[in-house]
Protein backbone atom coordinates (compact mmCIF):
# COMPACT_ATOMS: atom_id res chain seq x y z
CA MET A 1 15.45 34.82 -1.26
CA GLY A 2 15.87 31.22 -0.17
CA TRP A 3 18.46 29.17 1.64
CA LEU A 4 19.20 25.70 2.99
CA GLN A 5 19.87 25.44 6.69
CA LEU A 6 21.29 22.39 8.42
CA GLU A 7 18.59 21.09 10.77
CA SER A 8 20.27 17.99 12.18
CA GLU A 9 23.33 15.85 11.70
CA THR A 10 23.89 12.29 12.88
CA ASP A 11 26.35 9.51 12.16
CA THR A 12 24.10 8.32 9.30
CA SER A 13 22.41 11.44 7.88
CA LYS A 14 22.32 15.21 7.48
CA THR A 15 18.94 16.96 7.25
CA TYR A 16 18.47 20.44 5.80
CA VAL A 17 15.38 22.68 5.68
CA LEU A 18 14.72 24.85 2.63
CA TYR A 19 13.54 28.31 3.76
CA PHE A 20 12.11 31.11 1.63
CA GLU A 21 11.78 34.74 2.66
CA ALA A 22 8.74 36.43 1.15
CA PRO A 23 9.59 39.40 -1.09
CA ASP A 24 8.60 42.94 -0.07
CA SER A 25 6.47 43.15 -3.19
CA PRO A 26 5.03 40.29 -5.27
CA ALA A 27 7.19 39.23 -8.18
CA GLY A 28 5.76 38.01 -11.45
CA GLY A 29 7.07 35.39 -13.80
CA THR A 30 8.26 31.86 -13.40
CA PRO A 31 10.38 30.86 -10.37
CA GLN A 32 13.98 30.20 -11.27
CA ALA A 33 15.53 26.79 -10.70
CA PHE A 34 18.79 26.67 -8.79
CA THR A 35 21.58 24.22 -8.08
CA LEU A 36 23.45 23.94 -4.82
CA LYS A 37 26.72 22.08 -4.53
CA GLU A 38 28.47 21.31 -1.28
CA SER A 39 31.56 19.16 -0.98
CA TYR A 40 31.96 16.42 1.59
CA PRO A 41 34.92 14.11 2.13
CA SER A 42 34.69 10.90 0.10
CA THR A 43 34.69 9.00 3.40
CA ASP A 44 31.40 10.72 4.42
CA THR A 45 28.74 8.18 3.43
CA ARG A 46 25.80 9.79 5.26
CA SER A 47 22.45 10.37 3.57
CA VAL A 48 21.33 13.94 2.81
CA PHE A 49 17.65 14.92 3.20
CA VAL A 50 15.92 18.22 2.36
CA HIS A 51 12.55 19.33 3.79
CA ASP A 52 10.60 21.73 1.58
CA SER A 53 7.01 22.52 0.57
CA ALA A 54 6.84 19.24 -1.38
CA GLY A 55 7.85 17.16 1.65
CA THR A 56 11.13 15.39 2.38
CA GLN A 57 13.50 14.29 -0.37
CA GLN A 58 16.59 12.15 0.00
CA LEU A 59 19.32 13.63 -2.20
CA HIS A 60 22.16 11.26 -1.38
């Protein structure tokens, strides 16, 4: 299981951290891709960043 958690929010940006919870038993196969959509008012012009195992990515 994985989830995004808001880490910080300022007037110019929102930063989320991507967390994964290890399964009780190892799972085989290929990890599944996922899409997350969250709506913000059109007047919200802040940048969105995500921290994960690959580093920090700016999404907006």
